[in-house]
Amino acid sequence: MAYQRIRDLREDSDLSQAEVAKVLNCYQQTYSAYELGQRVIPPEVLIALAQFHGTSVDYLLGLTNVQEPYPRAK
């Protein structure tokens, strides 16, 4: 589920894989492998993707269909 959602979010933002890879500080080929499900996405990358796209890790993983991020703990 995460693989499809990160691709959809990237495409909805009209970004290239290279642009997102740059934000994540990884190679475009590595990011492409995440989108294709050929590589497991590390937790720190999932967190960075959720923050970048303004959503939650749970949304990326398909645990919720609510795209809005959770409120930050106080």
PDB file of N, CA and C in Angstrom:
ATOM      1  N   MET A   1       0.831  -1.202   0.000  1.00  0.00           N
ATOM      2  CA  MET A   1       0.000   0.000   0.000  1.00  0.00           C
ATOM      3  C   MET A   1       0.864   1.250   0.000  1.00  0.00           C
ATOM      4  N   ALA A   2       1.929   1.272   0.802  1.00  0.00           N
ATOM      5  CA  ALA A   2       2.777   2.462   0.895  1.00  0.00           C
ATOM      6  C   ALA A   2       3.371   2.811  -0.458  1.00  0.00           C
ATOM      7  N   TYR A   3       3.697   1.784  -1.224  1.00  0.00           N
ATOM      8  CA  TYR A   3       4.346   2.021  -2.508  1.00  0.00           C
ATOM      9  C   TYR A   3       3.439   2.826  -3.442  1.00  0.00           C
ATOM     10  N   GLN A   4       2.186   2.434  -3.524  1.00  0.00           N
ATOM     11  CA  GLN A   4       1.228   3.132  -4.379  1.00  0.00           C
ATOM     12  C   GLN A   4       0.950   4.538  -3.846  1.00  0.00           C
ATOM     13  N   ARG A   5       0.824   4.660  -2.554  1.00  0.00           N
ATOM     14  CA  ARG A   5       0.483   5.965  -1.981  1.00  0.00           C
ATOM     15  C   ARG A   5       1.619   6.966  -2.139  1.00  0.00           C
ATOM     16  N   ILE A   6       2.861   6.539  -1.973  1.00  0.00           N
ATOM     17  CA  ILE A   6       3.936   7.522  -2.131  1.00  0.00           C
ATOM     18  C   ILE A   6       4.056   7.956  -3.590  1.00  0.00           C
ATOM     19  N   ARG A   7       3.778   7.044  -4.509  1.00  0.00           N
ATOM     20  CA  ARG A   7       3.795   7.436  -5.930  1.00  0.00           C
ATOM     21  C   ARG A   7       2.657   8.396  -6.221  1.00  0.00           C
ATOM     22  N   ASP A   8       1.447   8.076  -5.729  1.00  0.00           N
ATOM     23  CA  ASP A   8       0.295   8.947  -5.965  1.00  0.00           C
ATOM     24  C   ASP A   8       0.523  10.341  -5.383  1.00  0.00           C
ATOM     25  N   LEU A   9       1.063  10.417  -4.167  1.00  0.00           N
ATOM     26  CA  LEU A   9       1.326  11.722  -3.558  1.00  0.00           C
ATOM     27  C   LEU A   9       2.360  12.507  -4.362  1.00  0.00           C
ATOM     28  N   ARG A  10       3.387  11.816  -4.826  1.00  0.00           N
ATOM     29  CA  ARG A  10       4.419  12.488  -5.632  1.00  0.00           C
ATOM     30  C   ARG A  10       3.814  13.016  -6.929  1.00  0.00           C
ATOM     31  N   GLU A  11       3.048  12.170  -7.604  1.00  0.00           N
ATOM     32  CA  GLU A  11       2.446  12.580  -8.875  1.00  0.00           C
ATOM     33  C   GLU A  11       1.428  13.705  -8.675  1.00  0.00           C
ATOM     34  N   ASP A  12       0.647  13.648  -7.591  1.00  0.00           N
ATOM     35  CA  ASP A  12      -0.323  14.708  -7.293  1.00  0.00           C
ATOM     36  C   ASP A  12       0.372  16.046  -7.080  1.00  0.00           C
ATOM     37  N   SER A  13       1.607  16.008  -6.606  1.00  0.00           N
ATOM     38  CA  SER A  13       2.384  17.230  -6.376  1.00  0.00           C
ATOM     39  C   SER A  13       3.212  17.624  -7.601  1.00  0.00           C
ATOM     40  N   ASP A  14       3.051  16.876  -8.695  1.00  0.00           N
ATOM     41  CA  ASP A  14       3.810  17.135  -9.934  1.00  0.00           C
ATOM     42  C   ASP A  14       5.313  17.171  -9.688  1.00  0.00           C
ATOM     43  N   LEU A  15       5.793  16.195  -8.920  1.00  0.00           N
ATOM     44  CA  LEU A  15       7.222  16.092  -8.630  1.00  0.00           C
ATOM     45  C   LEU A  15       7.800  14.882  -9.340  1.00  0.00           C
ATOM     46  N   SER A  16       9.061  14.967  -9.675  1.00  0.00           N
ATOM     47  CA  SER A  16       9.756  13.817 -10.258  1.00  0.00           C
ATOM     48  C   SER A  16      10.314  12.958  -9.123  1.00  0.00           C
ATOM     49  N   GLN A  17      10.670  11.734  -9.458  1.00  0.00           N
ATOM     50  CA  GLN A  17      11.315  10.874  -8.470  1.00  0.00           C
ATOM     51  C   GLN A  17      12.620  11.507  -7.999  1.00  0.00           C
ATOM     52  N   ALA A  18      13.341  12.130  -8.905  1.00  0.00           N
ATOM     53  CA  ALA A  18      14.622  12.756  -8.554  1.00  0.00           C
ATOM     54  C   ALA A  18      14.421  13.881  -7.545  1.00  0.00           C
ATOM     55  N   GLU A  19      13.346  14.647  -7.685  1.00  0.00           N
ATOM     56  CA  GLU A  19      13.085  15.747  -6.751  1.00  0.00           C
ATOM     57  C   GLU A  19      12.790  15.224  -5.346  1.00  0.00           C
ATOM     58  N   VAL A  20      11.994  14.170  -5.262  1.00  0.00           N
ATOM     59  CA  VAL A  20      11.688  13.601  -3.945  1.00  0.00           C
ATOM     60  C   VAL A  20      12.934  12.934  -3.366  1.00  0.00           C
ATOM     61  N   ALA A  21      13.694  12.253  -4.194  1.00  0.00           N
ATOM     62  CA  ALA A  21      14.931  11.616  -3.737  1.00  0.00           C
ATOM     63  C   ALA A  21      15.891  12.647  -3.153  1.00  0.00           C
ATOM     64  N   LYS A  22      15.943  13.815  -3.763  1.00  0.00           N
ATOM     65  CA  LYS A  22      16.822  14.876  -3.265  1.00  0.00           C
ATOM     66  C   LYS A  22      16.393  15.317  -1.865  1.00  0.00           C
ATOM     67  N   VAL A  23      15.096  15.439  -1.653  1.00  0.00           N
ATOM     68  CA  VAL A  23      14.575  15.810  -0.336  1.00  0.00           C
ATOM     69  C   VAL A  23      14.938  14.737   0.694  1.00  0.00           C
ATOM     70  N   LEU A  24      14.891  13.477   0.271  1.00  0.00           N
ATOM     71  CA  LEU A  24      15.196  12.362   1.172  1.00  0.00           C
ATOM     72  C   LEU A  24      16.683  12.087   1.288  1.00  0.00           C
ATOM     73  N   ASN A  25      17.465  12.790   0.492  1.00  0.00           N
ATOM     74  CA  ASN A  25      18.914  12.596   0.479  1.00  0.00           C
ATOM     75  C   ASN A  25      19.283  11.154   0.097  1.00  0.00           C
ATOM     76  N   CYS A  26      18.657  10.680  -0.996  1.00  0.00           N
ATOM     77  CA  CYS A  26      18.973   9.352  -1.514  1.00  0.00           C
ATOM     78  C   CYS A  26      19.027   9.428  -3.038  1.00  0.00           C
ATOM     79  N   TYR A  27      19.441   8.355  -3.655  1.00  0.00           N
ATOM     80  CA  TYR A  27      19.497   8.295  -5.113  1.00  0.00           C
ATOM     81  C   TYR A  27      18.095   8.117  -5.691  1.00  0.00           C
ATOM     82  N   GLN A  28      17.911   8.605  -6.907  1.00  0.00           N
ATOM     83  CA  GLN A  28      16.629   8.433  -7.597  1.00  0.00           C
ATOM     84  C   GLN A  28      16.313   6.949  -7.758  1.00  0.00           C
ATOM     85  N   GLN A  29      17.307   6.137  -8.030  1.00  0.00           N
ATOM     86  CA  GLN A  29      17.091   4.698  -8.208  1.00  0.00           C
ATOM     87  C   GLN A  29      16.586   4.059  -6.915  1.00  0.00           C
ATOM     88  N   THR A  30      17.077   4.537  -5.787  1.00  0.00           N
ATOM     89  CA  THR A  30      16.619   4.023  -4.493  1.00  0.00           C
ATOM     90  C   THR A  30      15.165   4.392  -4.278  1.00  0.00           C
ATOM     91  N   TYR A  31      14.829   5.650  -4.560  1.00  0.00           N
ATOM     92  CA  TYR A  31      13.443   6.078  -4.389  1.00  0.00           C
ATOM     93  C   TYR A  31      12.529   5.316  -5.343  1.00  0.00           C
ATOM     94  N   SER A  32      12.963   5.111  -6.571  1.00  0.00           N
ATOM     95  CA  SER A  32      12.181   4.343  -7.533  1.00  0.00           C
ATOM     96  C   SER A  32      11.901   2.939  -7.003  1.00  0.00           C
ATOM     97  N   ALA A  33      12.901   2.315  -6.388  1.00  0.00           N
ATOM     98  CA  ALA A  33      12.719   0.973  -5.818  1.00  0.00           C
ATOM     99  C   ALA A  33      11.687   0.999  -4.686  1.00  0.00           C
ATOM    100  N   TYR A  34      11.616   2.095  -3.921  1.00  0.00           N
ATOM    101  CA  TYR A  34      10.577   2.228  -2.891  1.00  0.00           C
ATOM    102  C   TYR A  34       9.200   2.237  -3.540  1.00  0.00           C
ATOM    103  N   GLU A  35       9.043   3.041  -4.588  1.00  0.00           N
ATOM    104  CA  GLU A  35       7.749   3.149  -5.262  1.00  0.00           C
ATOM    105  C   GLU A  35       7.323   1.840  -5.919  1.00  0.00           C
ATOM    106  N   LEU A  36       8.274   1.079  -6.396  1.00  0.00           N
ATOM    107  CA  LEU A  36       7.972  -0.180  -7.078  1.00  0.00           C
ATOM    108  C   LEU A  36       7.830  -1.356  -6.114  1.00  0.00           C
ATOM    109  N   GLY A  37       8.080  -1.118  -4.833  1.00  0.00           N
ATOM    110  CA  GLY A  37       7.981  -2.184  -3.855  1.00  0.00           C
ATOM    111  C   GLY A  37       9.145  -3.158  -3.904  1.00  0.00           C
ATOM    112  N   GLN A  38      10.237  -2.722  -4.503  1.00  0.00           N
ATOM    113  CA  GLN A  38      11.415  -3.573  -4.613  1.00  0.00           C
ATOM    114  C   GLN A  38      12.342  -3.433  -3.416  1.00  0.00           C
ATOM    115  N   ARG A  39      12.117  -2.416  -2.619  1.00  0.00           N
ATOM    116  CA  ARG A  39      12.907  -2.166  -1.410  1.00  0.00           C
ATOM    117  C   ARG A  39      11.973  -1.813  -0.282  1.00  0.00           C
ATOM    118  N   VAL A  40      12.287  -2.309   0.900  1.00  0.00           N
ATOM    119  CA  VAL A  40      11.518  -1.938   2.091  1.00  0.00           C
ATOM    120  C   VAL A  40      11.866  -0.495   2.439  1.00  0.00           C
ATOM    121  N   ILE A  41      10.845   0.291   2.740  1.00  0.00           N
ATOM    122  CA  ILE A  41      11.059   1.696   3.084  1.00  0.00           C
ATOM    123  C   ILE A  41      11.409   1.780   4.571  1.00  0.00           C
ATOM    124  N   PRO A  42      12.607   2.263   4.899  1.00  0.00           N
ATOM    125  CA  PRO A  42      12.994   2.372   6.312  1.00  0.00           C
ATOM    126  C   PRO A  42      12.072   3.335   7.072  1.00  0.00           C
ATOM    127  N   PRO A  43      11.901   3.099   8.370  1.00  0.00           N
ATOM    128  CA  PRO A  43      11.011   3.961   9.167  1.00  0.00           C
ATOM    129  C   PRO A  43      11.356   5.443   9.064  1.00  0.00           C
ATOM    130  N   GLU A  44      12.649   5.777   9.080  1.00  0.00           N
ATOM    131  CA  GLU A  44      13.018   7.199   9.018  1.00  0.00           C
ATOM    132  C   GLU A  44      12.641   7.824   7.673  1.00  0.00           C
ATOM    133  N   VAL A  45      12.633   7.030   6.625  1.00  0.00           N
ATOM    134  CA  VAL A  45      12.218   7.527   5.303  1.00  0.00           C
ATOM    135  C   VAL A  45      10.704   7.692   5.273  1.00  0.00           C
ATOM    136  N   LEU A  46       9.972   6.751   5.866  1.00  0.00           N
ATOM    137  CA  LEU A  46       8.512   6.890   5.948  1.00  0.00           C
ATOM    138  C   LEU A  46       8.135   8.165   6.704  1.00  0.00           C
ATOM    139  N   ILE A  47       8.825   8.428   7.789  1.00  0.00           N
ATOM    140  CA  ILE A  47       8.550   9.641   8.565  1.00  0.00           C
ATOM    141  C   ILE A  47       8.843  10.882   7.727  1.00  0.00           C
ATOM    142  N   ALA A  48       9.979  10.884   7.036  1.00  0.00           N
ATOM    143  CA  ALA A  48      10.340  12.030   6.196  1.00  0.00           C
ATOM    144  C   ALA A  48       9.329  12.223   5.070  1.00  0.00           C
ATOM    145  N   LEU A  49       8.874  11.146   4.466  1.00  0.00           N
ATOM    146  CA  LEU A  49       7.872  11.243   3.393  1.00  0.00           C
ATOM    147  C   LEU A  49       6.553  11.781   3.932  1.00  0.00           C
ATOM    148  N   ALA A  50       6.137  11.304   5.102  1.00  0.00           N
ATOM    149  CA  ALA A  50       4.885  11.782   5.695  1.00  0.00           C
ATOM    150  C   ALA A  50       4.974  13.278   5.993  1.00  0.00           C
ATOM    151  N   GLN A  51       6.100  13.711   6.553  1.00  0.00           N
ATOM    152  CA  GLN A  51       6.270  15.133   6.853  1.00  0.00           C
ATOM    153  C   GLN A  51       6.315  15.953   5.573  1.00  0.00           C
ATOM    154  N   PHE A  52       7.023  15.470   4.576  1.00  0.00           N
ATOM    155  CA  PHE A  52       7.148  16.193   3.311  1.00  0.00           C
ATOM    156  C   PHE A  52       5.788  16.366   2.634  1.00  0.00           C
ATOM    157  N   HIS A  53       4.983  15.312   2.646  1.00  0.00           N
ATOM    158  CA  HIS A  53       3.681  15.349   1.970  1.00  0.00           C
ATOM    159  C   HIS A  53       2.548  15.843   2.875  1.00  0.00           C
ATOM    160  N   GLY A  54       2.867  16.146   4.127  1.00  0.00           N
ATOM    161  CA  GLY A  54       1.842  16.670   5.036  1.00  0.00           C
ATOM    162  C   GLY A  54       0.781  15.636   5.377  1.00  0.00           C
ATOM    163  N   THR A  55       1.204  14.420   5.638  1.00  0.00           N
ATOM    164  CA  THR A  55       0.276  13.355   5.984  1.00  0.00           C
ATOM    165  C   THR A  55       0.858  12.550   7.137  1.00  0.00           C
ATOM    166  N   SER A  56       0.291  11.389   7.419  1.00  0.00           N
ATOM    167  CA  SER A  56       0.795  10.548   8.505  1.00  0.00           C
ATOM    168  C   SER A  56       1.411   9.277   7.939  1.00  0.00           C
ATOM    169  N   VAL A  57       2.260   8.663   8.710  1.00  0.00           N
ATOM    170  CA  VAL A  57       2.835   7.377   8.329  1.00  0.00           C
ATOM    171  C   VAL A  57       1.717   6.345   8.206  1.00  0.00           C
ATOM    172  N   ASP A  58       0.730   6.429   9.084  1.00  0.00           N
ATOM    173  CA  ASP A  58      -0.401   5.496   9.001  1.00  0.00           C
ATOM    174  C   ASP A  58      -1.093   5.594   7.640  1.00  0.00           C
ATOM    175  N   TYR A  59      -1.235   6.800   7.115  1.00  0.00           N
ATOM    176  CA  TYR A  59      -1.836   6.956   5.784  1.00  0.00           C
ATOM    177  C   TYR A  59      -0.953   6.296   4.729  1.00  0.00           C
ATOM    178  N   LEU A  60       0.342   6.532   4.798  1.00  0.00           N
ATOM    179  CA  LEU A  60       1.254   5.936   3.814  1.00  0.00           C
ATOM    180  C   LEU A  60       1.185   4.410   3.846  1.00  0.00           C
ATOM    181  N   LEU A  61       1.030   3.856   5.043  1.00  0.00           N
ATOM    182  CA  LEU A  61       0.997   2.401   5.198  1.00  0.00           C
ATOM    183  C   LEU A  61      -0.377   1.794   4.935  1.00  0.00           C
ATOM    184  N   GLY A  62      -1.368   2.639   4.716  1.00  0.00           N
ATOM    185  CA  GLY A  62      -2.707   2.132   4.432  1.00  0.00           C
ATOM    186  C   GLY A  62      -3.507   1.766   5.667  1.00  0.00           C
ATOM    187  N   LEU A  63      -3.078   2.242   6.833  1.00  0.00           N
ATOM    188  CA  LEU A  63      -3.796   1.950   8.071  1.00  0.00           C
ATOM    189  C   LEU A  63      -4.982   2.876   8.276  1.00  0.00           C
ATOM    190  N   THR A  64      -5.012   3.971   7.538  1.00  0.00           N
ATOM    191  CA  THR A  64      -6.123   4.915   7.568  1.00  0.00           C
ATOM    192  C   THR A  64      -6.261   5.521   6.174  1.00  0.00           C
ATOM    193  N   ASN A  65      -7.449   5.981   5.880  1.00  0.00           N
ATOM    194  CA  ASN A  65      -7.679   6.682   4.616  1.00  0.00           C
ATOM    195  C   ASN A  65      -7.743   8.188   4.819  1.00  0.00           C
ATOM    196  N   VAL A  66      -7.512   8.632   6.061  1.00  0.00           N
ATOM    197  CA  VAL A  66      -7.496  10.056   6.396  1.00  0.00           C
ATOM    198  C   VAL A  66      -6.118  10.593   6.055  1.00  0.00           C
ATOM    199  N   GLN A  67      -6.074  11.522   5.125  1.00  0.00           N
ATOM    200  CA  GLN A  67      -4.792  12.026   4.633  1.00  0.00           C
ATOM    201  C   GLN A  67      -4.176  13.083   5.537  1.00  0.00           C
ATOM    202  N   GLU A  68      -4.979  13.752   6.366  1.00  0.00           N
ATOM    203  CA  GLU A  68      -4.453  14.809   7.220  1.00  0.00           C
ATOM    204  C   GLU A  68      -3.537  14.210   8.285  1.00  0.00           C
ATOM    205  N   PRO A  69      -2.467  14.929   8.616  1.00  0.00           N
ATOM    206  CA  PRO A  69      -1.564  14.427   9.665  1.00  0.00           C
ATOM    207  C   PRO A  69      -2.220  14.516  11.029  1.00  0.00           C
ATOM    208  N   TYR A  70      -1.711  13.707  11.950  1.00  0.00           N
ATOM    209  CA  TYR A  70      -2.188  13.757  13.324  1.00  0.00           C
ATOM    210  C   TYR A  70      -1.681  15.041  13.981  1.00  0.00           C
ATOM    211  N   PRO A  71      -2.422  15.553  14.967  1.00  0.00           N
ATOM    212  CA  PRO A  71      -1.909  16.714  15.692  1.00  0.00           C
ATOM    213  C   PRO A  71      -0.655  16.327  16.476  1.00  0.00           C
ATOM    214  N   ARG A  72       0.271  17.231  16.578  1.00  0.00           N
ATOM    215  CA  ARG A  72       1.508  16.980  17.323  1.00  0.00           C
ATOM    216  C   ARG A  72       1.223  16.884  18.808  1.00  0.00           C
ATOM    217  N   ALA A  73       1.960  16.012  19.491  1.00  0.00           N
ATOM    218  CA  ALA A  73       1.827  15.877  20.953  1.00  0.00           C
ATOM    219  C   ALA A  73       2.344  17.143  21.617  1.00  0.00           C
ATOM    220  N   LYS A  74       1.746  17.489  22.732  1.00  0.00           N
ATOM    221  CA  LYS A  74       2.164  18.704  23.457  1.00  0.00           C
ATOM    222  C   LYS A  74       3.162  18.384  24.510  1.00  0.00           C
TER     223      LYS A  74
END
